[in-house]
Amino acid sequence: MKKLLLSTALLASMATASAAEEVKIGAPAWTGAQAIAHLIAEIVETRMGGEAELVPGNNASIFQAMGQGRGDIDVHPDVWLPNQQSFTDQYVEEEGTVILSDNSYEGKQSFCVSRQFSEANNVTSIFDLARPEIAALMDSDGDGLGEIWIGAPGWASANVNEVKVRDYGLMPFMEPIRADQAVMTATVGDSIRKDIGYAFYCYSPHAIWFQHDIVRLSEPPFDPAKYIAIQPSDDPDWFENSTVMTEDALKEVQIAYSGTLSERSPAIADLLANIALDGETVSDFAFQIEGGKDPADVAREWVAANSDRVDSWLGL
């Protein structure tokens, strides 16, 4: 009975303390970030009695707003490192205005083709895309070059992938394409239905691993000496001065939040520090959302079904 009374008192106290707390969550375009942003909002609103608002933005605008600490945007829900290292170097390490959660889940980046195309044409390595007959099978517009999707406009990974296409010797055979992620997903499905070739940047966690039967193309093992990836924010001559001839290292994906949030909404800041996700969960979120389910509904159902896990994040 005493334990029950203490737990009840703790819940009541937290609800009272959090009622006035609010947070604005950055919502980048990719599905995993959208899913985690809605998950945070769901917990804040239904489990803490606070207020949450999602604010669309790209990495640069979200980090800038978090660094300013005025509450315009308080959270980046899905920071991929080292992809966004230039932002964390500035705002976390140098200025100390943004906090990076210690909890992370693992991300892996590669290039992929459909399994049926891989097996039918013996395409297993990134260097197979430099075979003229393979490039011809991936030429959808008849310009003599195959197409390879390297990411969406504004993605740091797309910059790295463009350097890879050059340094892997693919430029004479493949044209690097930047387009919204939805274009890539639709094209993958269309290429499988039509039994034609299509190469694309792929990563996990992502819904596509549930949607289609795809395989990663092998790349040389990660070697930091051969992975000099410079971003435009660091050097206007980033493309000329970069050299990438190796696969990406495994990524750590974390939540970041404004340093002033601990003063303005301490219970929400504690929640963000405690959230611990995994790649399988995020992939499942993305799969449901890509299938047409509202991200808010996905978050609501997951929180209801994982009460104990959410309680642990809330310190209950």
Protein backbone atom coordinates (compact mmCIF):
# COMPACT_ATOMS: atom_id res chain seq x y z
CA MET A 1 0.00 0.00 0.00
CA LYS A 2 2.82 2.38 0.89
CA LYS A 3 4.51 1.71 -2.47
CA LEU A 4 1.24 2.30 -4.29
CA LEU A 5 0.69 5.60 -2.50
CA LEU A 6 4.22 6.75 -3.33
CA SER A 7 3.79 5.83 -7.01
CA THR A 8 0.45 7.63 -7.14
CA ALA A 9 1.98 10.70 -5.53
CA LEU A 10 4.88 10.65 -8.00
CA LEU A 11 2.52 10.48 -10.97
CA ALA A 12 0.38 13.29 -9.60
CA SER A 13 3.44 15.41 -8.90
CA MET A 14 4.84 14.85 -12.39
CA ALA A 15 1.52 15.67 -14.03
CA THR A 16 1.27 18.90 -12.07
CA ALA A 17 4.85 19.89 -12.77
CA SER A 18 4.60 19.05 -16.46
CA ALA A 19 1.25 20.67 -17.16
CA ALA A 20 2.86 23.96 -18.09
CA GLU A 21 5.78 22.35 -19.95
CA GLU A 22 5.93 22.59 -23.71
CA VAL A 23 8.29 21.63 -26.48
CA LYS A 24 8.68 22.32 -30.18
CA ILE A 25 10.06 19.32 -32.03
CA GLY A 26 11.93 19.63 -35.29
CA ALA A 27 10.47 17.38 -37.97
CA PRO A 28 12.92 16.65 -40.83
CA ALA A 29 11.47 15.14 -43.99
CA TRP A 30 12.70 11.55 -43.73
CA THR A 31 10.28 9.00 -42.33
CA GLY A 32 12.31 7.83 -39.33
CA ALA A 33 12.65 11.39 -38.06
CA GLN A 34 8.94 12.00 -38.56
CA ALA A 35 8.14 8.84 -36.61
CA ILE A 36 10.34 9.72 -33.63
CA ALA A 37 9.10 13.32 -33.60
CA HIS A 38 5.50 12.07 -33.31
CA LEU A 39 6.54 9.56 -30.65
CA ILE A 40 8.05 12.31 -28.49
CA ALA A 41 4.96 14.47 -28.97
CA GLU A 42 2.66 11.59 -28.00
CA ILE A 43 4.54 10.92 -24.76
CA VAL A 44 4.73 14.60 -23.83
CA GLU A 45 1.02 15.17 -24.42
CA THR A 46 -0.59 11.97 -23.16
CA ARG A 47 1.82 10.77 -20.49
CA MET A 48 3.16 14.05 -19.16
CA GLY A 49 0.27 16.45 -19.69
CA GLY A 50 2.51 18.85 -21.59
CA GLU A 51 2.21 20.54 -24.97
CA ALA A 52 4.13 19.54 -28.11
CA GLU A 53 4.30 21.06 -31.57
CA LEU A 54 6.05 19.65 -34.64
CA VAL A 55 8.00 22.19 -36.71
CA PRO A 56 9.18 21.19 -40.21
CA GLY A 57 12.81 21.99 -40.97
CA ASN A 58 16.10 20.73 -42.34
CA ASN A 59 19.18 19.88 -40.31
CA ALA A 60 20.72 23.35 -40.58
CA SER A 61 17.60 25.25 -39.51
CA ILE A 62 16.81 22.87 -36.66
CA PHE A 63 20.32 23.01 -35.19
CA GLN A 64 20.44 26.79 -35.55
CA ALA A 65 17.14 27.17 -33.70
CA MET A 66 18.19 24.75 -30.95
CA GLY A 67 21.45 26.63 -30.57
CA GLN A 68 19.66 29.95 -30.18
CA GLY A 69 17.70 28.45 -27.29
CA ARG A 70 14.62 30.66 -27.65
CA GLY A 71 12.18 27.77 -28.01
CA ASP A 72 11.53 28.18 -31.75
CA ILE A 73 12.70 24.56 -32.16
CA ASP A 74 13.86 22.56 -29.15
CA VAL A 75 14.55 19.07 -30.48
CA HIS A 76 16.14 17.22 -33.37
CA PRO A 77 14.67 13.71 -33.13
CA ASP A 78 17.06 11.80 -35.40
CA VAL A 79 20.67 13.00 -35.58
CA TRP A 80 22.82 10.72 -37.74
CA LEU A 81 26.51 10.76 -36.85
CA PRO A 82 28.97 11.32 -38.36
CA ASN A 83 26.70 12.56 -41.21
CA GLN A 84 25.71 15.64 -39.21
CA GLN A 85 29.06 15.97 -37.46
CA SER A 86 29.59 19.52 -38.68
CA PHE A 87 26.45 20.59 -36.78
CA THR A 88 27.28 18.72 -33.58
CA ASP A 89 30.86 20.02 -33.72
CA GLN A 90 29.56 23.59 -33.82
CA TYR A 91 26.58 23.51 -31.49
CA VAL A 92 27.42 20.66 -29.10
CA GLU A 93 31.23 20.76 -28.86
CA GLU A 94 32.23 24.36 -29.66
CA GLU A 95 29.29 26.47 -28.51
CA GLY A 96 27.82 24.09 -25.94
CA THR A 97 24.28 25.24 -26.74
CA VAL A 98 22.88 21.85 -27.79
CA ILE A 99 22.84 18.59 -25.82
CA LEU A 100 23.25 15.19 -27.50
CA SER A 101 21.59 12.19 -25.86
CA ASP A 102 23.93 9.39 -24.75
CA ASN A 103 21.46 6.78 -26.05
CA SER A 104 21.71 5.78 -29.70
CA TYR A 105 20.57 3.18 -32.17
CA GLU A 106 22.65 1.79 -35.02
CA GLY A 107 22.35 2.91 -38.62
CA LYS A 108 23.98 1.41 -41.72
CA GLN A 109 24.33 3.07 -45.12
CA SER A 110 24.92 1.34 -48.44
CA PHE A 111 23.86 1.16 -52.09
CA CYS A 112 21.23 -1.38 -53.10
CA VAL A 113 19.52 -3.06 -56.02
CA SER A 114 16.58 -5.46 -56.06
CA ARG A 115 17.42 -9.06 -55.31
CA GLN A 116 15.92 -10.23 -58.61
CA PHE A 117 18.13 -7.82 -60.58
CA SER A 118 21.18 -8.78 -58.55
CA GLU A 119 20.68 -12.50 -59.11
CA ALA A 120 19.69 -12.23 -62.78
CA ASN A 121 22.72 -10.11 -63.70
CA ASN A 122 25.32 -11.13 -61.09
CA VAL A 123 25.41 -7.65 -59.58
CA THR A 124 26.81 -7.92 -56.06
CA SER A 125 29.44 -5.15 -55.84
CA ILE A 126 29.28 -1.40 -56.28
CA PHE A 127 31.90 -1.83 -59.02
CA ASP A 128 29.50 -3.98 -61.03
CA LEU A 129 27.68 -0.74 -61.85
CA ALA A 130 30.69 0.19 -64.00
CA ARG A 131 30.01 -2.75 -66.33
CA PRO A 132 28.65 -1.14 -69.52
CA GLU A 133 25.95 -3.76 -69.98
CA ILE A 134 24.70 -3.19 -66.41
CA ALA A 135 24.69 0.59 -66.81
CA ALA A 136 22.67 0.14 -70.01
CA LEU A 137 20.05 -1.85 -68.09
CA MET A 138 19.73 1.08 -65.67
CA ASP A 139 19.40 3.78 -68.34
CA SER A 140 15.74 4.83 -68.12
CA ASP A 141 15.99 8.03 -70.18
CA GLY A 142 18.15 6.83 -73.05
CA ASP A 143 21.03 9.24 -72.46
CA GLY A 144 23.63 6.47 -72.34
CA LEU A 145 24.06 6.59 -68.56
CA GLY A 146 22.39 4.54 -65.88
CA GLU A 147 20.84 6.36 -62.94
CA ILE A 148 21.80 5.94 -59.30
CA TRP A 149 19.82 7.72 -56.58
CA ILE A 150 22.26 9.22 -54.07
CA GLY A 151 19.80 10.88 -51.67
CA ALA A 152 17.52 13.87 -51.30
CA PRO A 153 18.54 17.51 -51.84
CA GLY A 154 20.11 18.89 -48.67
CA TRP A 155 21.20 15.54 -47.25
CA ALA A 156 24.82 15.37 -46.10
CA SER A 157 24.83 11.71 -47.12
CA ALA A 158 23.95 12.70 -50.70
CA ASN A 159 27.13 14.78 -50.85
CA VAL A 160 29.20 11.83 -49.64
CA ASN A 161 27.51 9.52 -52.12
CA GLU A 162 28.23 11.85 -55.03
CA VAL A 163 31.91 11.74 -54.11
CA LYS A 164 31.68 7.95 -53.93
CA VAL A 165 30.18 7.71 -57.41
CA ARG A 166 33.14 9.71 -58.70
CA ASP A 167 35.85 7.94 -56.71
CA TYR A 168 34.49 4.44 -57.40
CA GLY A 169 34.90 5.25 -61.10
CA LEU A 170 31.18 5.19 -61.87
CA MET A 171 30.77 8.64 -63.43
CA PRO A 172 31.37 7.44 -67.05
CA PHE A 173 28.56 4.91 -66.57
CA MET A 174 26.12 6.19 -63.95
CA GLU A 175 24.44 9.55 -63.39
CA PRO A 176 23.98 10.51 -59.68
CA ILE A 177 20.39 11.64 -59.06
CA ARG A 178 19.12 13.75 -56.16
CA ALA A 179 15.38 13.59 -55.57
CA ASP A 180 12.93 13.31 -52.71
CA GLN A 181 12.97 9.99 -50.90
CA ALA A 182 9.41 9.24 -52.03
CA VAL A 183 10.63 9.28 -55.64
CA MET A 184 13.23 6.64 -54.82
CA THR A 185 10.75 4.40 -53.01
CA ALA A 186 8.26 4.57 -55.87
CA THR A 187 10.97 3.91 -58.46
CA VAL A 188 12.24 0.85 -56.60
CA GLY A 189 8.77 -0.68 -56.66
CA ASP A 190 8.27 0.24 -60.32
CA SER A 191 11.64 -1.25 -61.33
CA ILE A 192 10.81 -4.54 -59.60
CA ARG A 193 7.40 -4.76 -61.27
CA LYS A 194 8.93 -4.05 -64.69
CA ASP A 195 11.99 -6.23 -64.02
CA ILE A 196 14.45 -3.46 -64.89
CA GLY A 197 17.56 -2.19 -63.15
CA TYR A 198 17.72 0.56 -60.56
CA ALA A 199 20.52 1.39 -58.11
CA PHE A 200 19.91 3.54 -55.07
CA TYR A 201 21.29 4.73 -51.76
CA CYS A 202 19.79 2.61 -49.01
CA TYR A 203 20.05 2.66 -45.26
CA SER A 204 18.66 0.95 -42.22
CA PRO A 205 16.52 1.42 -40.32
CA HIS A 206 14.08 2.19 -43.16
CA ALA A 207 10.69 0.99 -44.31
CA ILE A 208 12.05 -0.24 -47.62
CA TRP A 209 13.47 -3.38 -45.97
CA PHE A 210 9.87 -4.38 -45.19
CA GLN A 211 8.49 -3.19 -48.53
CA HIS A 212 10.77 -4.82 -51.11
CA ASP A 213 13.31 -7.62 -51.47
CA ILE A 214 16.55 -5.70 -51.89
CA VAL A 215 20.24 -6.44 -51.34
CA ARG A 216 23.21 -4.29 -50.41
CA LEU A 217 26.09 -3.97 -52.85
CA SER A 218 29.47 -4.67 -51.33
CA GLU A 219 31.98 -1.83 -50.97
CA PRO A 220 35.58 -1.78 -49.75
CA PRO A 221 35.64 -2.08 -45.93
CA PHE A 222 35.59 1.18 -44.01
CA ASP A 223 39.00 2.81 -43.87
CA PRO A 224 39.21 6.28 -42.26
CA ALA A 225 42.30 7.09 -44.32
CA LYS A 226 40.25 6.67 -47.51
CA TYR A 227 37.13 8.34 -46.16
CA ILE A 228 37.70 12.09 -46.31
CA ALA A 229 34.15 13.43 -46.62
CA ILE A 230 33.92 17.23 -46.49
CA GLN A 231 30.60 19.06 -46.40
CA PRO A 232 29.74 22.32 -48.22
CA SER A 233 29.32 24.07 -44.87
CA ASP A 234 33.00 23.38 -44.12
CA ASP A 235 34.58 24.07 -47.52
CA PRO A 236 33.16 25.64 -50.70
CA ASP A 237 35.45 23.26 -52.64
CA TRP A 238 34.10 20.25 -50.72
CA PHE A 239 33.65 18.07 -53.82
CA GLU A 240 37.15 18.59 -55.17
CA ASN A 241 38.76 18.19 -51.73
CA SER A 242 36.86 15.07 -50.66
CA THR A 243 38.01 11.50 -51.23
CA VAL A 244 35.73 8.57 -50.41
CA MET A 245 36.77 5.11 -51.58
CA THR A 246 35.31 2.96 -48.82
CA GLU A 247 31.98 2.06 -47.28
CA ASP A 248 30.54 4.19 -44.49
CA ALA A 249 31.24 3.31 -40.89
CA LEU A 250 28.24 2.22 -38.86
CA LYS A 251 26.27 5.26 -37.72
CA GLU A 252 25.06 6.31 -34.29
CA VAL A 253 21.62 7.90 -34.38
CA GLN A 254 20.68 10.08 -31.41
CA ILE A 255 18.28 12.74 -30.16
CA ALA A 256 19.58 16.29 -29.70
CA TYR A 257 17.90 19.11 -27.80
CA SER A 258 18.45 22.73 -26.87
CA GLY A 259 20.53 23.32 -23.77
CA THR A 260 18.00 25.82 -22.46
CA LEU A 261 15.24 23.20 -22.49
CA SER A 262 16.51 21.86 -19.16
CA GLU A 263 15.60 25.21 -17.63
CA ARG A 264 12.35 25.81 -19.50
CA SER A 265 10.95 22.27 -19.42
CA PRO A 266 13.15 20.07 -17.23
CA ALA A 267 10.85 17.02 -17.25
CA ILE A 268 10.79 16.99 -21.05
CA ALA A 269 14.58 17.37 -21.17
CA ASP A 270 14.88 14.37 -18.83
CA LEU A 271 12.60 12.36 -21.11
CA LEU A 272 14.73 13.18 -24.17
CA ALA A 273 17.87 12.13 -22.32
CA ASN A 274 16.28 8.79 -21.40
CA ILE A 275 14.61 7.71 -24.66
CA ALA A 276 16.34 4.58 -25.97
CA LEU A 277 15.21 3.24 -29.35
CA ASP A 278 16.49 0.47 -31.62
CA GLY A 279 16.70 0.04 -35.37
CA GLU A 280 14.00 -2.62 -35.59
CA THR A 281 11.47 -0.42 -33.82
CA VAL A 282 12.25 2.59 -36.01
CA SER A 283 12.07 0.45 -39.18
CA ASP A 284 8.63 -0.78 -38.11
CA PHE A 285 7.49 2.81 -37.50
CA ALA A 286 8.70 3.78 -40.96
CA PHE A 287 7.07 0.77 -42.62
CA GLN A 288 3.67 1.62 -41.15
CA ILE A 289 3.97 5.29 -42.11
CA GLU A 290 5.16 4.52 -45.65
CA GLY A 291 2.16 2.20 -45.90
CA GLY A 292 -0.15 5.17 -45.42
CA LYS A 293 -0.73 5.17 -41.68
CA ASP A 294 -0.79 8.52 -39.90
CA PRO A 295 2.45 8.97 -37.90
CA ALA A 296 0.43 10.21 -34.92
CA ASP A 297 -1.61 6.99 -34.95
CA VAL A 298 1.56 4.88 -35.15
CA ALA A 299 3.01 6.70 -32.15
CA ARG A 300 -0.24 6.49 -30.16
CA GLU A 301 -0.59 2.75 -30.68
CA TRP A 302 3.05 2.05 -29.87
CA VAL A 303 2.96 4.04 -26.63
CA ALA A 304 -0.21 2.22 -25.55
CA ALA A 305 1.37 -1.17 -26.29
CA ASN A 306 4.73 -0.37 -24.65
CA SER A 307 3.72 1.26 -21.41
CA ASP A 308 6.52 -0.28 -19.33
CA ARG A 309 9.19 0.88 -21.77
CA VAL A 310 7.79 4.40 -21.80
CA ASP A 311 7.57 4.35 -17.99
CA SER A 312 11.30 3.60 -17.83
CA TRP A 313 12.01 6.67 -19.98
CA LEU A 314 9.89 8.74 -17.62
CA GLY A 315 11.76 7.41 -14.59
CA LEU A 316 8.70 5.64 -13.16
